Amino acid sequence: MPIDSGNMKPTLNIGDLIVVQGFSDISEINVGEKPDGDIIVFRRPSNPDELLVQRAINKTPVDGVWYFRTQGDKDPMPYM
Protein backbone atom coordinates (compact mmCIF):
# COMPACT_ATOMS: atom_id res chain seq x y z
CA MET A 1 0.00 0.00 0.00
CA PRO A 2 1.47 3.40 -0.92
CA ILE A 3 1.72 6.21 1.62
CA ASP A 4 -0.36 9.16 0.35
CA SER A 5 0.09 11.77 3.08
CA GLY A 6 2.96 13.32 5.00
CA ASN A 7 1.68 12.76 8.53
CA MET A 8 4.22 9.99 9.22
CA LYS A 9 7.30 11.95 8.08
CA PRO A 10 10.20 11.42 8.52
CA THR A 11 9.53 7.72 9.25
CA LEU A 12 7.39 7.22 6.13
CA ASN A 13 7.30 9.57 3.15
CA ILE A 14 4.69 10.14 0.46
CA GLY A 15 5.08 7.41 -2.14
CA ASP A 16 6.76 4.91 0.22
CA LEU A 17 5.30 1.42 0.00
CA ILE A 18 4.40 -0.51 3.14
CA VAL A 19 3.46 -4.15 3.61
CA VAL A 20 0.59 -4.73 6.00
CA GLN A 21 0.75 -7.87 8.13
CA GLY A 22 -2.07 -9.23 10.25
CA PHE A 23 -1.65 -10.68 13.73
CA SER A 24 -3.54 -13.09 15.94
CA ASP A 25 -3.69 -11.11 19.19
CA ILE A 26 -4.51 -7.39 19.09
CA SER A 27 -3.23 -7.00 22.65
CA GLU A 28 0.30 -7.57 21.28
CA ILE A 29 0.34 -4.19 19.51
CA ASN A 30 3.03 -2.05 21.20
CA VAL A 31 2.02 1.48 22.12
CA GLY A 32 4.14 4.52 22.88
CA GLU A 33 5.71 7.63 21.46
CA LYS A 34 7.99 7.34 18.45
CA PRO A 35 9.83 5.00 17.99
CA ASP A 36 8.26 2.61 20.54
CA GLY A 37 4.66 2.39 19.32
CA ASP A 38 3.81 0.13 16.41
CA ILE A 39 2.64 1.68 13.15
CA ILE A 40 -0.89 0.46 12.41
CA VAL A 41 -3.29 0.74 9.46
CA PHE A 42 -7.00 1.22 10.16
CA ARG A 43 -10.16 2.57 8.56
CA ARG A 44 -11.03 6.20 9.27
CA PRO A 45 -14.11 6.08 11.55
CA SER A 46 -15.82 8.94 9.67
CA ASN A 47 -15.05 7.42 6.23
CA PRO A 48 -14.54 3.60 6.30
CA ASP A 49 -13.35 3.63 2.68
CA GLU A 50 -10.22 5.58 3.73
CA LEU A 51 -7.25 3.87 5.34
CA LEU A 52 -5.05 5.69 7.85
CA VAL A 53 -1.44 4.88 8.75
CA GLN A 54 -0.47 6.11 12.22
CA ARG A 55 1.52 5.16 15.30
CA ALA A 56 -0.35 3.50 18.20
CA ILE A 57 0.39 5.64 21.27
CA ASN A 58 -2.19 4.27 23.72
CA LYS A 59 -4.71 1.42 23.95
CA THR A 60 -7.55 0.63 26.31
CA PRO A 61 -9.76 -2.47 26.54
CA VAL A 62 -13.46 -1.73 27.15
CA ASP A 63 -15.87 -4.66 27.45
CA GLY A 64 -13.63 -6.89 25.34
CA VAL A 65 -13.02 -4.28 22.61
CA TRP A 66 -9.65 -2.53 22.17
CA TYR A 67 -9.64 1.24 21.58
CA PHE A 68 -6.50 2.93 20.27
CA ARG A 69 -5.20 6.48 20.39
CA THR A 70 -3.00 7.13 17.38
CA GLN A 71 -0.74 9.89 16.13
CA GLY A 72 1.21 10.62 12.97
CA ASP A 73 4.92 11.13 13.62
CA LYS A 74 4.67 14.64 12.13
CA ASP A 75 1.34 15.53 13.80
CA PRO A 76 1.42 17.66 16.96
CA MET A 77 -1.73 16.08 18.44
CA PRO A 78 -3.14 12.51 18.63
CA TYR A 79 -5.85 11.47 16.17
CA MET A 80 -8.23 9.54 18.42
PDB file of N, CA and C in Angstrom:
ATOM      1  N   MET A   1       0.856  -1.167   0.000  1.00  0.00           N
ATOM      2  CA  MET A   1       0.000   0.000   0.000  1.00  0.00           C
ATOM      3  C   MET A   1       0.902   1.230   0.000  1.00  0.00           C
ATOM      4  N   PRO A   2       0.642   2.184  -0.879  1.00  0.00           N
ATOM      5  CA  PRO A   2       1.469   3.396  -0.922  1.00  0.00           C
ATOM      6  C   PRO A   2       1.041   4.423   0.124  1.00  0.00           C
ATOM      7  N   ILE A   3       1.998   5.129   0.665  1.00  0.00           N
ATOM      8  CA  ILE A   3       1.718   6.213   1.615  1.00  0.00           C
ATOM      9  C   ILE A   3       1.295   7.433   0.801  1.00  0.00           C
ATOM     10  N   ASP A   4       0.142   8.036   1.150  1.00  0.00           N
ATOM     11  CA  ASP A   4      -0.358   9.155   0.352  1.00  0.00           C
ATOM     12  C   ASP A   4      -0.477  10.463   1.125  1.00  0.00           C
ATOM     13  N   SER A   5       0.072  10.509   2.349  1.00  0.00           N
ATOM     14  CA  SER A   5       0.092  11.774   3.084  1.00  0.00           C
ATOM     15  C   SER A   5       1.420  11.893   3.828  1.00  0.00           C
ATOM     16  N   GLY A   6       1.691  13.083   4.326  1.00  0.00           N
ATOM     17  CA  GLY A   6       2.961  13.321   5.001  1.00  0.00           C
ATOM     18  C   GLY A   6       2.900  13.248   6.509  1.00  0.00           C
ATOM     19  N   ASN A   7       1.805  12.724   7.074  1.00  0.00           N
ATOM     20  CA  ASN A   7       1.676  12.762   8.533  1.00  0.00           C
ATOM     21  C   ASN A   7       2.620  11.811   9.263  1.00  0.00           C
ATOM     22  N   MET A   8       3.280  10.902   8.559  1.00  0.00           N
ATOM     23  CA  MET A   8       4.218   9.985   9.222  1.00  0.00           C
ATOM     24  C   MET A   8       5.674  10.340   8.935  1.00  0.00           C
ATOM     25  N   LYS A   9       5.917  11.524   8.326  1.00  0.00           N
ATOM     26  CA  LYS A   9       7.297  11.955   8.081  1.00  0.00           C
ATOM     27  C   LYS A   9       8.009  12.173   9.407  1.00  0.00           C
ATOM     28  N   PRO A  10       9.259  11.908   9.534  1.00  0.00           N
ATOM     29  CA  PRO A  10      10.197  11.421   8.523  1.00  0.00           C
ATOM     30  C   PRO A  10      10.272   9.901   8.453  1.00  0.00           C
ATOM     31  N   THR A  11       9.472   9.185   9.262  1.00  0.00           N
ATOM     32  CA  THR A  11       9.527   7.721   9.254  1.00  0.00           C
ATOM     33  C   THR A  11       9.074   7.155   7.921  1.00  0.00           C
ATOM     34  N   LEU A  12       7.927   7.635   7.423  1.00  0.00           N
ATOM     35  CA  LEU A  12       7.391   7.223   6.127  1.00  0.00           C
ATOM     36  C   LEU A  12       7.126   8.472   5.301  1.00  0.00           C
ATOM     37  N   ASN A  13       7.485   8.432   4.039  1.00  0.00           N
ATOM     38  CA  ASN A  13       7.301   9.572   3.147  1.00  0.00           C
ATOM     39  C   ASN A  13       6.241   9.267   2.103  1.00  0.00           C
ATOM     40  N   ILE A  14       5.666  10.313   1.521  1.00  0.00           N
ATOM     41  CA  ILE A  14       4.686  10.142   0.461  1.00  0.00           C
ATOM     42  C   ILE A  14       5.318   9.312  -0.658  1.00  0.00           C
ATOM     43  N   GLY A  15       4.595   8.293  -1.090  1.00  0.00           N
ATOM     44  CA  GLY A  15       5.084   7.407  -2.139  1.00  0.00           C
ATOM     45  C   GLY A  15       5.774   6.156  -1.628  1.00  0.00           C
ATOM     46  N   ASP A  16       6.182   6.133  -0.343  1.00  0.00           N
ATOM     47  CA  ASP A  16       6.757   4.913   0.221  1.00  0.00           C
ATOM     48  C   ASP A  16       5.717   3.800   0.149  1.00  0.00           C
ATOM     49  N   LEU A  17       6.181   2.580  -0.009  1.00  0.00           N
ATOM     50  CA  LEU A  17       5.298   1.417   0.002  1.00  0.00           C
ATOM     51  C   LEU A  17       5.470   0.685   1.319  1.00  0.00           C
ATOM     52  N   ILE A  18       4.341   0.277   1.906  1.00  0.00           N
ATOM     53  CA  ILE A  18       4.401  -0.514   3.136  1.00  0.00           C
ATOM     54  C   ILE A  18       3.688  -1.840   2.910  1.00  0.00           C
ATOM     55  N   VAL A  19       4.113  -2.845   3.627  1.00  0.00           N
ATOM     56  CA  VAL A  19       3.465  -4.152   3.609  1.00  0.00           C
ATOM     57  C   VAL A  19       2.703  -4.280   4.919  1.00  0.00           C
ATOM     58  N   VAL A  20       1.436  -4.618   4.813  1.00  0.00           N
ATOM     59  CA  VAL A  20       0.590  -4.732   5.996  1.00  0.00           C
ATOM     60  C   VAL A  20       0.485  -6.200   6.369  1.00  0.00           C
ATOM     61  N   GLN A  21       0.768  -6.495   7.643  1.00  0.00           N
ATOM     62  CA  GLN A  21       0.746  -7.867   8.130  1.00  0.00           C
ATOM     63  C   GLN A  21      -0.291  -7.974   9.239  1.00  0.00           C
ATOM     64  N   GLY A  22      -1.103  -8.993   9.187  1.00  0.00           N
ATOM     65  CA  GLY A  22      -2.073  -9.233  10.251  1.00  0.00           C
ATOM     66  C   GLY A  22      -1.407  -9.883  11.453  1.00  0.00           C
ATOM     67  N   PHE A  23      -2.163 -10.039  12.528  1.00  0.00           N
ATOM     68  CA  PHE A  23      -1.645 -10.676  13.732  1.00  0.00           C
ATOM     69  C   PHE A  23      -2.801 -11.361  14.424  1.00  0.00           C
ATOM     70  N   SER A  24      -2.494 -12.297  15.316  1.00  0.00           N
ATOM     71  CA  SER A  24      -3.544 -13.095  15.938  1.00  0.00           C
ATOM     72  C   SER A  24      -4.052 -12.518  17.249  1.00  0.00           C
ATOM     73  N   ASP A  25      -3.285 -11.635  17.889  1.00  0.00           N
ATOM     74  CA  ASP A  25      -3.694 -11.109  19.190  1.00  0.00           C
ATOM     75  C   ASP A  25      -3.486  -9.599  19.228  1.00  0.00           C
ATOM     76  N   ILE A  26      -4.572  -8.851  19.147  1.00  0.00           N
ATOM     77  CA  ILE A  26      -4.505  -7.387  19.088  1.00  0.00           C
ATOM     78  C   ILE A  26      -3.825  -6.793  20.324  1.00  0.00           C
ATOM     79  N   SER A  27      -3.863  -7.512  21.432  1.00  0.00           N
ATOM     80  CA  SER A  27      -3.230  -6.995  22.647  1.00  0.00           C
ATOM     81  C   SER A  27      -1.706  -6.937  22.512  1.00  0.00           C
ATOM     82  N   GLU A  28      -1.148  -7.578  21.485  1.00  0.00           N
ATOM     83  CA  GLU A  28       0.300  -7.574  21.276  1.00  0.00           C
ATOM     84  C   GLU A  28       0.801  -6.313  20.580  1.00  0.00           C
ATOM     85  N   ILE A  29      -0.089  -5.424  20.147  1.00  0.00           N
ATOM     86  CA  ILE A  29       0.343  -4.185  19.509  1.00  0.00           C
ATOM     87  C   ILE A  29       1.029  -3.317  20.558  1.00  0.00           C
ATOM     88  N   ASN A  30       2.272  -2.915  20.279  1.00  0.00           N
ATOM     89  CA  ASN A  30       3.028  -2.055  21.196  1.00  0.00           C
ATOM     90  C   ASN A  30       2.567  -0.618  21.044  1.00  0.00           C
ATOM     91  N   VAL A  31       2.425   0.081  22.156  1.00  0.00           N
ATOM     92  CA  VAL A  31       2.021   1.480  22.122  1.00  0.00           C
ATOM     93  C   VAL A  31       3.102   2.342  22.751  1.00  0.00           C
ATOM     94  N   GLY A  32       3.171   3.590  22.321  1.00  0.00           N
ATOM     95  CA  GLY A  32       4.136   4.525  22.877  1.00  0.00           C
ATOM     96  C   GLY A  32       4.518   5.575  21.859  1.00  0.00           C
ATOM     97  N   GLU A  33       5.213   6.575  22.340  1.00  0.00           N
ATOM     98  CA  GLU A  33       5.706   7.635  21.461  1.00  0.00           C
ATOM     99  C   GLU A  33       6.731   7.046  20.498  1.00  0.00           C
ATOM    100  N   LYS A  34       6.990   7.748  19.423  1.00  0.00           N
ATOM    101  CA  LYS A  34       7.995   7.342  18.448  1.00  0.00           C
ATOM    102  C   LYS A  34       9.324   7.136  19.144  1.00  0.00           C
ATOM    103  N   PRO A  35      10.014   6.072  18.945  1.00  0.00           N
ATOM    104  CA  PRO A  35       9.830   4.998  17.993  1.00  0.00           C
ATOM    105  C   PRO A  35       9.204   3.748  18.597  1.00  0.00           C
ATOM    106  N   ASP A  36       8.702   3.814  19.831  1.00  0.00           N
ATOM    107  CA  ASP A  36       8.263   2.614  20.544  1.00  0.00           C
ATOM    108  C   ASP A  36       6.933   2.039  20.079  1.00  0.00           C
ATOM    109  N   GLY A  37       5.967   2.886  19.738  1.00  0.00           N
ATOM    110  CA  GLY A  37       4.660   2.386  19.324  1.00  0.00           C
ATOM    111  C   GLY A  37       4.695   1.798  17.924  1.00  0.00           C
ATOM    112  N   ASP A  38       3.906   0.744  17.733  1.00  0.00           N
ATOM    113  CA  ASP A  38       3.810   0.126  16.410  1.00  0.00           C
ATOM    114  C   ASP A  38       3.040   1.038  15.460  1.00  0.00           C
ATOM    115  N   ILE A  39       3.383   0.978  14.188  1.00  0.00           N
ATOM    116  CA  ILE A  39       2.637   1.682  13.151  1.00  0.00           C
ATOM    117  C   ILE A  39       1.511   0.759  12.720  1.00  0.00           C
ATOM    118  N   ILE A  40       0.269   1.273  12.752  1.00  0.00           N
ATOM    119  CA  ILE A  40      -0.890   0.460  12.406  1.00  0.00           C
ATOM    120  C   ILE A  40      -1.656   1.107  11.253  1.00  0.00           C
ATOM    121  N   VAL A  41      -2.428   0.295  10.557  1.00  0.00           N
ATOM    122  CA  VAL A  41      -3.287   0.743   9.464  1.00  0.00           C
ATOM    123  C   VAL A  41      -4.713   0.431   9.877  1.00  0.00           C
ATOM    124  N   PHE A  42      -5.594   1.421   9.759  1.00  0.00           N
ATOM    125  CA  PHE A  42      -6.996   1.220  10.157  1.00  0.00           C
ATOM    126  C   PHE A  42      -7.901   2.097   9.300  1.00  0.00           C
ATOM    127  N   ARG A  43      -9.180   1.795   9.316  1.00  0.00           N
ATOM    128  CA  ARG A  43     -10.163   2.568   8.558  1.00  0.00           C
ATOM    129  C   ARG A  43     -10.546   3.818   9.335  1.00  0.00           C
ATOM    130  N   ARG A  44     -10.614   4.938   8.627  1.00  0.00           N
ATOM    131  CA  ARG A  44     -11.026   6.196   9.267  1.00  0.00           C
ATOM    132  C   ARG A  44     -12.471   6.033   9.742  1.00  0.00           C
ATOM    133  N   PRO A  45     -12.745   6.264  11.036  1.00  0.00           N
ATOM    134  CA  PRO A  45     -14.113   6.082  11.548  1.00  0.00           C
ATOM    135  C   PRO A  45     -15.171   6.898  10.798  1.00  0.00           C
ATOM    136  N   SER A  46     -14.842   8.104  10.363  1.00  0.00           N
ATOM    137  CA  SER A  46     -15.818   8.944   9.667  1.00  0.00           C
ATOM    138  C   SER A  46     -15.942   8.616   8.176  1.00  0.00           C
ATOM    139  N   ASN A  47     -15.014   7.805   7.640  1.00  0.00           N
ATOM    140  CA  ASN A  47     -15.050   7.415   6.233  1.00  0.00           C
ATOM    141  C   ASN A  47     -14.375   6.047   6.103  1.00  0.00           C
ATOM    142  N   PRO A  48     -15.130   4.952   6.295  1.00  0.00           N
ATOM    143  CA  PRO A  48     -14.543   3.605   6.304  1.00  0.00           C
ATOM    144  C   PRO A  48     -13.844   3.201   5.010  1.00  0.00           C
ATOM    145  N   ASP A  49     -14.049   3.945   3.920  1.00  0.00           N
ATOM    146  CA  ASP A  49     -13.346   3.628   2.679  1.00  0.00           C
ATOM    147  C   ASP A  49     -11.908   4.134   2.683  1.00  0.00           C
ATOM    148  N   GLU A  50     -11.561   4.988   3.651  1.00  0.00           N
ATOM    149  CA  GLU A  50     -10.223   5.581   3.726  1.00  0.00           C
ATOM    150  C   GLU A  50      -9.380   4.868   4.785  1.00  0.00           C
ATOM    151  N   LEU A  51      -8.169   4.499   4.401  1.00  0.00           N
ATOM    152  CA  LEU A  51      -7.246   3.867   5.341  1.00  0.00           C
ATOM    153  C   LEU A  51      -6.286   4.906   5.900  1.00  0.00           C
ATOM    154  N   LEU A  52      -6.001   4.811   7.187  1.00  0.00           N
ATOM    155  CA  LEU A  52      -5.050   5.695   7.855  1.00  0.00           C
ATOM    156  C   LEU A  52      -3.851   4.881   8.315  1.00  0.00           C
ATOM    157  N   VAL A  53      -2.680   5.490   8.269  1.00  0.00           N
ATOM    158  CA  VAL A  53      -1.443   4.885   8.748  1.00  0.00           C
ATOM    159  C   VAL A  53      -0.922   5.803   9.844  1.00  0.00           C
ATOM    160  N   GLN A  54      -0.907   5.302  11.084  1.00  0.00           N
ATOM    161  CA  GLN A  54      -0.475   6.114  12.216  1.00  0.00           C
ATOM    162  C   GLN A  54       0.208   5.228  13.255  1.00  0.00           C
ATOM    163  N   ARG A  55       0.838   5.873  14.214  1.00  0.00           N
ATOM    164  CA  ARG A  55       1.516   5.160  15.303  1.00  0.00           C
ATOM    165  C   ARG A  55       0.538   4.977  16.459  1.00  0.00           C
ATOM    166  N   ALA A  56       0.483   3.775  17.027  1.00  0.00           N
ATOM    167  CA  ALA A  56      -0.350   3.500  18.199  1.00  0.00           C
ATOM    168  C   ALA A  56       0.362   4.065  19.429  1.00  0.00           C
ATOM    169  N   ILE A  57      -0.262   5.028  20.102  1.00  0.00           N
ATOM    170  CA  ILE A  57       0.387   5.637  21.266  1.00  0.00           C
ATOM    171  C   ILE A  57      -0.278   5.256  22.581  1.00  0.00           C
ATOM    172  N   ASN A  58      -1.502   4.701  22.515  1.00  0.00           N
ATOM    173  CA  ASN A  58      -2.195   4.270  23.724  1.00  0.00           C
ATOM    174  C   ASN A  58      -3.274   3.280  23.319  1.00  0.00           C
ATOM    175  N   LYS A  59      -3.615   2.346  24.213  1.00  0.00           N
ATOM    176  CA  LYS A  59      -4.710   1.419  23.946  1.00  0.00           C
ATOM    177  C   LYS A  59      -5.422   1.102  25.250  1.00  0.00           C
ATOM    178  N   THR A  60      -6.725   0.894  25.134  1.00  0.00           N
ATOM    179  CA  THR A  60      -7.552   0.633  26.305  1.00  0.00           C
ATOM    180  C   THR A  60      -8.588  -0.428  25.960  1.00  0.00           C
ATOM    181  N   PRO A  61      -8.693  -1.497  26.769  1.00  0.00           N
ATOM    182  CA  PRO A  61      -9.762  -2.470  26.535  1.00  0.00           C
ATOM    183  C   PRO A  61     -11.038  -2.021  27.266  1.00  0.00           C
ATOM    184  N   VAL A  62     -12.161  -2.057  26.554  1.00  0.00           N
ATOM    185  CA  VAL A  62     -13.461  -1.729  27.151  1.00  0.00           C
ATOM    186  C   VAL A  62     -14.443  -2.822  26.738  1.00  0.00           C
ATOM    187  N   ASP A  63     -14.906  -3.583  27.701  1.00  0.00           N
ATOM    188  CA  ASP A  63     -15.871  -4.663  27.445  1.00  0.00           C
ATOM    189  C   ASP A  63     -15.423  -5.584  26.318  1.00  0.00           C
ATOM    190  N   GLY A  64     -14.146  -5.954  26.323  1.00  0.00           N
ATOM    191  CA  GLY A  64     -13.626  -6.892  25.336  1.00  0.00           C
ATOM    192  C   GLY A  64     -13.258  -6.285  23.995  1.00  0.00           C
ATOM    193  N   VAL A  65     -13.373  -4.967  23.849  1.00  0.00           N
ATOM    194  CA  VAL A  65     -13.023  -4.279  22.608  1.00  0.00           C
ATOM    195  C   VAL A  65     -11.840  -3.358  22.886  1.00  0.00           C
ATOM    196  N   TRP A  66     -10.823  -3.396  22.015  1.00  0.00           N
ATOM    197  CA  TRP A  66      -9.654  -2.535  22.172  1.00  0.00           C
ATOM    198  C   TRP A  66      -9.886  -1.209  21.464  1.00  0.00           C
ATOM    199  N   TYR A  67      -9.580  -0.108  22.145  1.00  0.00           N
ATOM    200  CA  TYR A  67      -9.640   1.238  21.578  1.00  0.00           C
ATOM    201  C   TYR A  67      -8.233   1.810  21.572  1.00  0.00           C
ATOM    202  N   PHE A  68      -7.848   2.411  20.436  1.00  0.00           N
ATOM    203  CA  PHE A  68      -6.503   2.928  20.270  1.00  0.00           C
ATOM    204  C   PHE A  68      -6.505   4.439  20.113  1.00  0.00           C
ATOM    205  N   ARG A  69      -5.491   5.070  20.670  1.00  0.00           N
ATOM    206  CA  ARG A  69      -5.196   6.478  20.387  1.00  0.00           C
ATOM    207  C   ARG A  69      -3.983   6.436  19.469  1.00  0.00           C
ATOM    208  N   THR A  70      -4.067   7.165  18.358  1.00  0.00           N
ATOM    209  CA  THR A  70      -2.996   7.126  17.377  1.00  0.00           C
ATOM    210  C   THR A  70      -2.504   8.533  17.078  1.00  0.00           C
ATOM    211  N   GLN A  71      -1.320   8.600  16.475  1.00  0.00           N
ATOM    212  CA  GLN A  71      -0.741   9.893  16.126  1.00  0.00           C
ATOM    213  C   GLN A  71       0.252   9.700  14.993  1.00  0.00           C
ATOM    214  N   GLY A  72       0.191  10.603  14.016  1.00  0.00           N
ATOM    215  CA  GLY A  72       1.211  10.619  12.974  1.00  0.00           C
ATOM    216  C   GLY A  72       2.507  11.159  13.555  1.00  0.00           C
ATOM    217  N   ASP A  73       3.635  10.685  13.081  1.00  0.00           N
ATOM    218  CA  ASP A  73       4.924  11.131  13.621  1.00  0.00           C
ATOM    219  C   ASP A  73       5.132  12.633  13.430  1.00  0.00           C
ATOM    220  N   LYS A  74       4.526  13.215  12.398  1.00  0.00           N
ATOM    221  CA  LYS A  74       4.672  14.640  12.129  1.00  0.00           C
ATOM    222  C   LYS A  74       3.576  15.471  12.825  1.00  0.00           C
ATOM    223  N   ASP A  75       2.494  14.818  13.228  1.00  0.00           N
ATOM    224  CA  ASP A  75       1.340  15.525  13.804  1.00  0.00           C
ATOM    225  C   ASP A  75       1.605  15.950  15.235  1.00  0.00           C
ATOM    226  N   PRO A  76       1.204  17.182  15.597  1.00  0.00           N
ATOM    227  CA  PRO A  76       1.422  17.660  16.962  1.00  0.00           C
ATOM    228  C   PRO A  76       0.453  17.089  17.989  1.00  0.00           C
ATOM    229  N   MET A  77      -0.697  16.574  17.527  1.00  0.00           N
ATOM    230  CA  MET A  77      -1.726  16.075  18.440  1.00  0.00           C
ATOM    231  C   MET A  77      -2.168  14.669  18.012  1.00  0.00           C
ATOM    232  N   PRO A  78      -2.618  13.829  18.970  1.00  0.00           N
ATOM    233  CA  PRO A  78      -3.136  12.507  18.628  1.00  0.00           C
ATOM    234  C   PRO A  78      -4.399  12.604  17.772  1.00  0.00           C
ATOM    235  N   TYR A  79      -4.680  11.523  17.038  1.00  0.00           N
ATOM    236  CA  TYR A  79      -5.851  11.467  16.172  1.00  0.00           C
ATOM    237  C   TYR A  79      -7.102  11.091  16.955  1.00  0.00           C
ATOM    238  N   MET A  80      -7.041  10.028  17.736  1.00  0.00           N
ATOM    239  CA  MET A  80      -8.228   9.541  18.420  1.00  0.00           C
ATOM    240  C   MET A  80      -7.970   9.445  19.900  1.00  0.00           C
TER     241      MET A  80
END
